[in-house]
Amino acid sequence: MIYGIGTDLIEVERIRRAYEKESFRKKIYTEQEQQLIAEHAQKAAGNFAVKESVAKAFGTGFGKISPIDIEVLRESSGRPYVVLHGPAEKLARAEGILHVHVSISNLKEYAMAYVVMEA
């Protein structure tokens, strides 16, 4: 059963500027995500859009969970997947979330993510 759907569209340049600030990086991205982004800067905006989409799919926004609780990683094929930590993981367990499906589109000016949660 579909638990929630979330989507987000973000300006790449906005995230690029914010990512230059260490405080933003540490508040939003895990160390593993930062390593991934260092190799492919465009992924910063896509990952942020996923984090927003997950929060929307939960129906909480960033009120009960933090962006850092939502980790966006890539399989060896490049396919994105989400790992939940802390309050986001607890909420997913409590709600019976089984899968978080992710799609990311990175364009020159915008990044868009779409998330479907199954319970």
N, C-alpha and C. Protein backbone atom coordinates (compact mmCIF):
# COMPACT_ATOMS: atom_id res chain seq x y z
N MET A 1 0.84 -1.17 0.00
CA MET A 1 0.00 0.00 0.00
C MET A 1 0.89 1.25 0.00
N ILE A 2 0.46 2.26 -0.71
CA ILE A 2 1.22 3.51 -0.75
C ILE A 2 0.94 4.29 0.54
N TYR A 3 2.01 4.62 1.25
CA TYR A 3 1.90 5.38 2.49
C TYR A 3 1.90 6.88 2.20
N GLY A 4 2.82 7.30 1.32
CA GLY A 4 2.94 8.72 1.02
C GLY A 4 3.74 8.96 -0.23
N ILE A 5 3.50 10.11 -0.84
CA ILE A 5 4.21 10.54 -2.03
C ILE A 5 4.71 11.95 -1.78
N GLY A 6 5.94 12.21 -2.19
CA GLY A 6 6.50 13.55 -2.05
C GLY A 6 7.30 13.92 -3.28
N THR A 7 7.32 15.19 -3.59
CA THR A 7 8.11 15.68 -4.72
C THR A 7 8.68 17.04 -4.36
N ASP A 8 9.79 17.39 -4.99
CA ASP A 8 10.41 18.68 -4.73
C ASP A 8 11.20 19.12 -5.95
N LEU A 9 11.20 20.40 -6.19
CA LEU A 9 11.96 21.03 -7.27
C LEU A 9 12.81 22.11 -6.63
N ILE A 10 14.11 22.09 -6.89
CA ILE A 10 15.02 23.03 -6.23
C ILE A 10 15.98 23.63 -7.26
N GLU A 11 16.34 24.89 -7.05
CA GLU A 11 17.31 25.54 -7.93
C GLU A 11 18.72 25.04 -7.58
N VAL A 12 19.43 24.57 -8.57
CA VAL A 12 20.78 24.04 -8.37
C VAL A 12 21.70 25.13 -7.82
N GLU A 13 21.63 26.32 -8.36
CA GLU A 13 22.51 27.41 -7.93
C GLU A 13 22.29 27.76 -6.47
N ARG A 14 21.06 27.73 -6.02
CA ARG A 14 20.75 28.03 -4.60
C ARG A 14 21.46 27.03 -3.67
N ILE A 15 21.40 25.76 -4.02
CA ILE A 15 22.05 24.74 -3.19
C ILE A 15 23.56 24.82 -3.33
N ARG A 16 24.05 25.14 -4.53
CA ARG A 16 25.50 25.26 -4.72
C ARG A 16 26.07 26.34 -3.80
N ARG A 17 25.39 27.47 -3.74
CA ARG A 17 25.85 28.57 -2.87
C ARG A 17 25.77 28.16 -1.40
N ALA A 18 24.68 27.54 -1.01
CA ALA A 18 24.51 27.12 0.38
C ALA A 18 25.54 26.06 0.76
N TYR A 19 25.85 25.16 -0.18
CA TYR A 19 26.77 24.05 0.08
C TYR A 19 28.20 24.55 0.38
N GLU A 20 28.52 25.74 -0.06
CA GLU A 20 29.84 26.31 0.21
C GLU A 20 30.03 26.57 1.71
N LYS A 21 28.96 26.70 2.44
CA LYS A 21 29.03 26.97 3.88
C LYS A 21 29.10 25.65 4.64
N GLU A 22 30.12 25.51 5.45
CA GLU A 22 30.32 24.27 6.21
C GLU A 22 29.14 23.96 7.13
N SER A 23 28.56 25.00 7.73
CA SER A 23 27.43 24.77 8.64
C SER A 23 26.25 24.15 7.89
N PHE A 24 26.01 24.57 6.68
CA PHE A 24 24.94 23.98 5.87
C PHE A 24 25.26 22.53 5.55
N ARG A 25 26.47 22.27 5.09
CA ARG A 25 26.86 20.89 4.73
C ARG A 25 26.67 19.94 5.90
N LYS A 26 27.14 20.33 7.09
CA LYS A 26 27.08 19.45 8.26
C LYS A 26 25.65 19.26 8.77
N LYS A 27 24.80 20.24 8.56
CA LYS A 27 23.42 20.17 9.02
C LYS A 27 22.54 19.34 8.07
N ILE A 28 22.91 19.30 6.80
CA ILE A 28 22.06 18.70 5.77
C ILE A 28 22.56 17.35 5.29
N TYR A 29 23.87 17.18 5.11
CA TYR A 29 24.43 16.00 4.46
C TYR A 29 25.31 15.18 5.38
N THR A 30 25.17 13.85 5.31
CA THR A 30 26.03 12.96 6.08
C THR A 30 27.44 12.99 5.47
N GLU A 31 28.40 12.46 6.18
CA GLU A 31 29.77 12.42 5.67
C GLU A 31 29.85 11.64 4.36
N GLN A 32 29.13 10.53 4.30
CA GLN A 32 29.14 9.72 3.09
C GLN A 32 28.53 10.48 1.90
N GLU A 33 27.47 11.23 2.15
CA GLU A 33 26.88 12.05 1.09
C GLU A 33 27.86 13.13 0.64
N GLN A 34 28.55 13.74 1.59
CA GLN A 34 29.51 14.79 1.24
C GLN A 34 30.62 14.24 0.36
N GLN A 35 31.05 13.01 0.60
CA GLN A 35 32.07 12.39 -0.24
C GLN A 35 31.53 12.20 -1.66
N LEU A 36 30.31 11.74 -1.77
CA LEU A 36 29.66 11.55 -3.07
C LEU A 36 29.54 12.88 -3.81
N ILE A 37 29.12 13.91 -3.09
CA ILE A 37 28.92 15.23 -3.69
C ILE A 37 30.26 15.84 -4.11
N ALA A 38 31.32 15.57 -3.36
CA ALA A 38 32.63 16.09 -3.73
C ALA A 38 33.05 15.59 -5.11
N GLU A 39 32.63 14.39 -5.46
CA GLU A 39 32.94 13.82 -6.77
C GLU A 39 32.01 14.34 -7.85
N HIS A 40 30.77 14.65 -7.49
CA HIS A 40 29.75 15.09 -8.44
C HIS A 40 28.91 16.18 -7.79
N ALA A 41 29.33 17.42 -7.92
CA ALA A 41 28.69 18.55 -7.23
C ALA A 41 27.20 18.67 -7.54
N GLN A 42 26.78 18.29 -8.73
CA GLN A 42 25.37 18.39 -9.12
C GLN A 42 24.47 17.58 -8.19
N LYS A 43 25.02 16.54 -7.57
CA LYS A 43 24.22 15.67 -6.71
C LYS A 43 23.75 16.37 -5.43
N ALA A 44 24.39 17.47 -5.05
CA ALA A 44 23.97 18.19 -3.84
C ALA A 44 22.52 18.64 -3.94
N ALA A 45 22.14 19.20 -5.07
CA ALA A 45 20.76 19.68 -5.24
C ALA A 45 19.80 18.50 -5.34
N GLY A 46 20.16 17.48 -6.08
CA GLY A 46 19.31 16.30 -6.20
C GLY A 46 19.07 15.65 -4.85
N ASN A 47 20.14 15.51 -4.06
CA ASN A 47 20.00 14.92 -2.73
C ASN A 47 19.10 15.77 -1.84
N PHE A 48 19.26 17.08 -1.92
CA PHE A 48 18.42 17.96 -1.11
C PHE A 48 16.95 17.80 -1.50
N ALA A 49 16.69 17.71 -2.80
CA ALA A 49 15.31 17.53 -3.28
C ALA A 49 14.73 16.21 -2.76
N VAL A 50 15.56 15.16 -2.69
CA VAL A 50 15.09 13.88 -2.14
C VAL A 50 14.73 14.04 -0.67
N LYS A 51 15.58 14.71 0.08
CA LYS A 51 15.33 14.90 1.51
C LYS A 51 14.00 15.63 1.72
N GLU A 52 13.76 16.68 0.95
CA GLU A 52 12.49 17.41 1.02
C GLU A 52 11.33 16.48 0.65
N SER A 53 11.51 15.67 -0.38
CA SER A 53 10.45 14.78 -0.85
C SER A 53 10.11 13.72 0.19
N VAL A 54 11.12 13.20 0.87
CA VAL A 54 10.88 12.21 1.92
C VAL A 54 10.09 12.85 3.06
N ALA A 55 10.49 14.03 3.47
CA ALA A 55 9.78 14.72 4.55
C ALA A 55 8.32 14.98 4.17
N LYS A 56 8.08 15.31 2.91
CA LYS A 56 6.71 15.53 2.44
C LYS A 56 5.93 14.21 2.40
N ALA A 57 6.58 13.14 1.97
CA ALA A 57 5.91 11.84 1.92
C ALA A 57 5.51 11.37 3.32
N PHE A 58 6.33 11.69 4.31
CA PHE A 58 5.98 11.37 5.69
C PHE A 58 4.81 12.24 6.17
N GLY A 59 4.65 13.40 5.53
CA GLY A 59 3.60 14.32 5.96
C GLY A 59 4.01 15.20 7.12
N THR A 60 5.29 15.20 7.44
CA THR A 60 5.78 15.95 8.60
C THR A 60 6.55 17.21 8.22
N GLY A 61 7.06 17.27 6.99
CA GLY A 61 8.02 18.31 6.67
C GLY A 61 9.23 18.11 7.56
N PHE A 62 10.01 19.15 7.74
CA PHE A 62 11.18 19.04 8.61
C PHE A 62 10.85 19.43 10.04
N GLY A 63 9.60 19.26 10.45
CA GLY A 63 9.20 19.53 11.82
C GLY A 63 9.62 18.44 12.78
N LYS A 64 9.42 17.18 12.39
CA LYS A 64 9.73 16.05 13.28
C LYS A 64 11.01 15.32 12.89
N ILE A 65 11.47 15.55 11.68
CA ILE A 65 12.71 14.92 11.23
C ILE A 65 13.62 15.99 10.64
N SER A 66 14.90 15.67 10.55
CA SER A 66 15.89 16.61 10.01
C SER A 66 16.41 16.09 8.68
N PRO A 67 16.90 16.99 7.84
CA PRO A 67 17.50 16.54 6.58
C PRO A 67 18.64 15.54 6.79
N ILE A 68 19.41 15.70 7.85
CA ILE A 68 20.54 14.81 8.13
C ILE A 68 20.07 13.39 8.45
N ASP A 69 18.80 13.24 8.85
CA ASP A 69 18.23 11.92 9.15
C ASP A 69 17.88 11.14 7.88
N ILE A 70 17.96 11.81 6.73
CA ILE A 70 17.62 11.21 5.44
C ILE A 70 18.89 11.20 4.60
N GLU A 71 19.46 10.02 4.43
CA GLU A 71 20.71 9.90 3.68
C GLU A 71 20.42 9.37 2.28
N VAL A 72 20.95 10.06 1.27
CA VAL A 72 20.73 9.67 -0.12
C VAL A 72 22.04 9.14 -0.67
N LEU A 73 22.04 7.87 -1.01
CA LEU A 73 23.25 7.21 -1.52
C LEU A 73 22.97 6.65 -2.91
N ARG A 74 23.98 6.07 -3.53
CA ARG A 74 23.83 5.51 -4.87
C ARG A 74 24.35 4.08 -4.90
N GLU A 75 23.61 3.22 -5.61
CA GLU A 75 24.09 1.87 -5.88
C GLU A 75 25.23 1.98 -6.90
N SER A 76 25.96 0.90 -7.11
CA SER A 76 27.07 0.94 -8.07
C SER A 76 26.59 1.32 -9.47
N SER A 77 25.32 1.04 -9.77
CA SER A 77 24.74 1.40 -11.07
C SER A 77 24.43 2.90 -11.16
N GLY A 78 24.48 3.59 -10.02
CA GLY A 78 24.13 5.01 -9.96
C GLY A 78 22.72 5.27 -9.47
N ARG A 79 21.95 4.21 -9.32
CA ARG A 79 20.57 4.34 -8.85
C ARG A 79 20.54 4.85 -7.41
N PRO A 80 19.75 5.90 -7.15
CA PRO A 80 19.70 6.45 -5.79
C PRO A 80 18.83 5.59 -4.86
N TYR A 81 19.19 5.62 -3.60
CA TYR A 81 18.37 4.99 -2.58
C TYR A 81 18.51 5.80 -1.29
N VAL A 82 17.54 5.59 -0.40
CA VAL A 82 17.48 6.36 0.84
C VAL A 82 17.75 5.45 2.03
N VAL A 83 18.56 5.95 2.97
CA VAL A 83 18.78 5.30 4.26
C VAL A 83 18.29 6.28 5.32
N LEU A 84 17.38 5.83 6.16
CA LEU A 84 16.83 6.69 7.21
C LEU A 84 17.57 6.46 8.52
N HIS A 85 17.79 7.54 9.26
CA HIS A 85 18.48 7.49 10.54
C HIS A 85 17.65 8.22 11.60
N GLY A 86 17.97 7.97 12.85
CA GLY A 86 17.39 8.71 13.97
C GLY A 86 15.88 8.78 13.93
N PRO A 87 15.31 9.99 14.14
CA PRO A 87 13.86 10.14 14.18
C PRO A 87 13.15 9.69 12.90
N ALA A 88 13.78 9.86 11.74
CA ALA A 88 13.16 9.42 10.48
C ALA A 88 13.05 7.90 10.45
N GLU A 89 14.07 7.21 10.92
CA GLU A 89 14.04 5.75 10.97
C GLU A 89 12.98 5.26 11.96
N LYS A 90 12.90 5.91 13.11
CA LYS A 90 11.89 5.53 14.11
C LYS A 90 10.48 5.74 13.58
N LEU A 91 10.26 6.85 12.90
CA LEU A 91 8.95 7.14 12.33
C LEU A 91 8.60 6.10 11.26
N ALA A 92 9.56 5.75 10.42
CA ALA A 92 9.32 4.75 9.37
C ALA A 92 8.95 3.40 9.99
N ARG A 93 9.67 3.01 11.03
CA ARG A 93 9.35 1.74 11.71
C ARG A 93 7.95 1.78 12.32
N ALA A 94 7.63 2.89 12.98
CA ALA A 94 6.32 3.03 13.63
C ALA A 94 5.18 3.01 12.61
N GLU A 95 5.43 3.53 11.42
CA GLU A 95 4.39 3.60 10.39
C GLU A 95 4.40 2.39 9.46
N GLY A 96 5.34 1.48 9.67
CA GLY A 96 5.39 0.26 8.85
C GLY A 96 5.90 0.48 7.44
N ILE A 97 6.76 1.48 7.26
CA ILE A 97 7.31 1.76 5.93
C ILE A 97 8.25 0.61 5.54
N LEU A 98 8.00 0.03 4.38
CA LEU A 98 8.80 -1.10 3.89
C LEU A 98 9.80 -0.66 2.83
N HIS A 99 9.42 0.28 1.97
CA HIS A 99 10.28 0.73 0.88
C HIS A 99 10.12 2.23 0.67
N VAL A 100 11.23 2.86 0.30
CA VAL A 100 11.21 4.26 -0.11
C VAL A 100 11.79 4.27 -1.52
N HIS A 101 10.93 4.48 -2.51
CA HIS A 101 11.35 4.52 -3.91
C HIS A 101 11.70 5.95 -4.28
N VAL A 102 12.80 6.13 -5.01
CA VAL A 102 13.32 7.46 -5.31
C VAL A 102 13.60 7.62 -6.80
N SER A 103 13.27 8.79 -7.31
CA SER A 103 13.66 9.18 -8.67
C SER A 103 14.19 10.60 -8.60
N ILE A 104 15.34 10.84 -9.23
CA ILE A 104 15.95 12.17 -9.24
C ILE A 104 16.22 12.58 -10.68
N SER A 105 15.88 13.83 -10.99
CA SER A 105 16.24 14.41 -12.28
C SER A 105 17.11 15.62 -12.00
N ASN A 106 18.32 15.61 -12.52
CA ASN A 106 19.24 16.73 -12.38
C ASN A 106 19.39 17.42 -13.73
N LEU A 107 18.98 18.67 -13.78
CA LEU A 107 19.16 19.47 -14.98
C LEU A 107 20.15 20.58 -14.66
N LYS A 108 20.50 21.37 -15.62
CA LYS A 108 21.47 22.44 -15.40
C LYS A 108 20.99 23.43 -14.33
N GLU A 109 19.73 23.84 -14.41
CA GLU A 109 19.23 24.86 -13.49
C GLU A 109 18.44 24.32 -12.31
N TYR A 110 17.85 23.12 -12.48
CA TYR A 110 16.98 22.57 -11.44
C TYR A 110 17.27 21.10 -11.18
N ALA A 111 16.95 20.69 -9.96
CA ALA A 111 16.96 19.27 -9.60
C ALA A 111 15.57 18.96 -9.08
N MET A 112 15.06 17.81 -9.47
CA MET A 112 13.74 17.40 -9.02
C MET A 112 13.80 15.99 -8.48
N ALA A 113 13.07 15.74 -7.42
CA ALA A 113 13.00 14.38 -6.86
C ALA A 113 11.55 14.01 -6.65
N TYR A 114 11.32 12.71 -6.72
CA TYR A 114 10.00 12.14 -6.52
C TYR A 114 10.19 10.92 -5.63
N VAL A 115 9.41 10.82 -4.56
CA VAL A 115 9.53 9.72 -3.60
C VAL A 115 8.16 9.08 -3.41
N VAL A 116 8.15 7.75 -3.41
CA VAL A 116 6.95 6.99 -3.09
C VAL A 116 7.30 6.06 -1.94
N MET A 117 6.55 6.14 -0.85
CA MET A 117 6.77 5.27 0.30
C MET A 117 5.71 4.18 0.32
N GLU A 118 6.16 2.95 0.51
CA GLU A 118 5.25 1.81 0.64
C GLU A 118 5.24 1.34 2.09
N ALA A 119 4.04 0.97 2.56
CA ALA A 119 3.90 0.43 3.91
C ALA A 119 3.22 -0.91 3.83
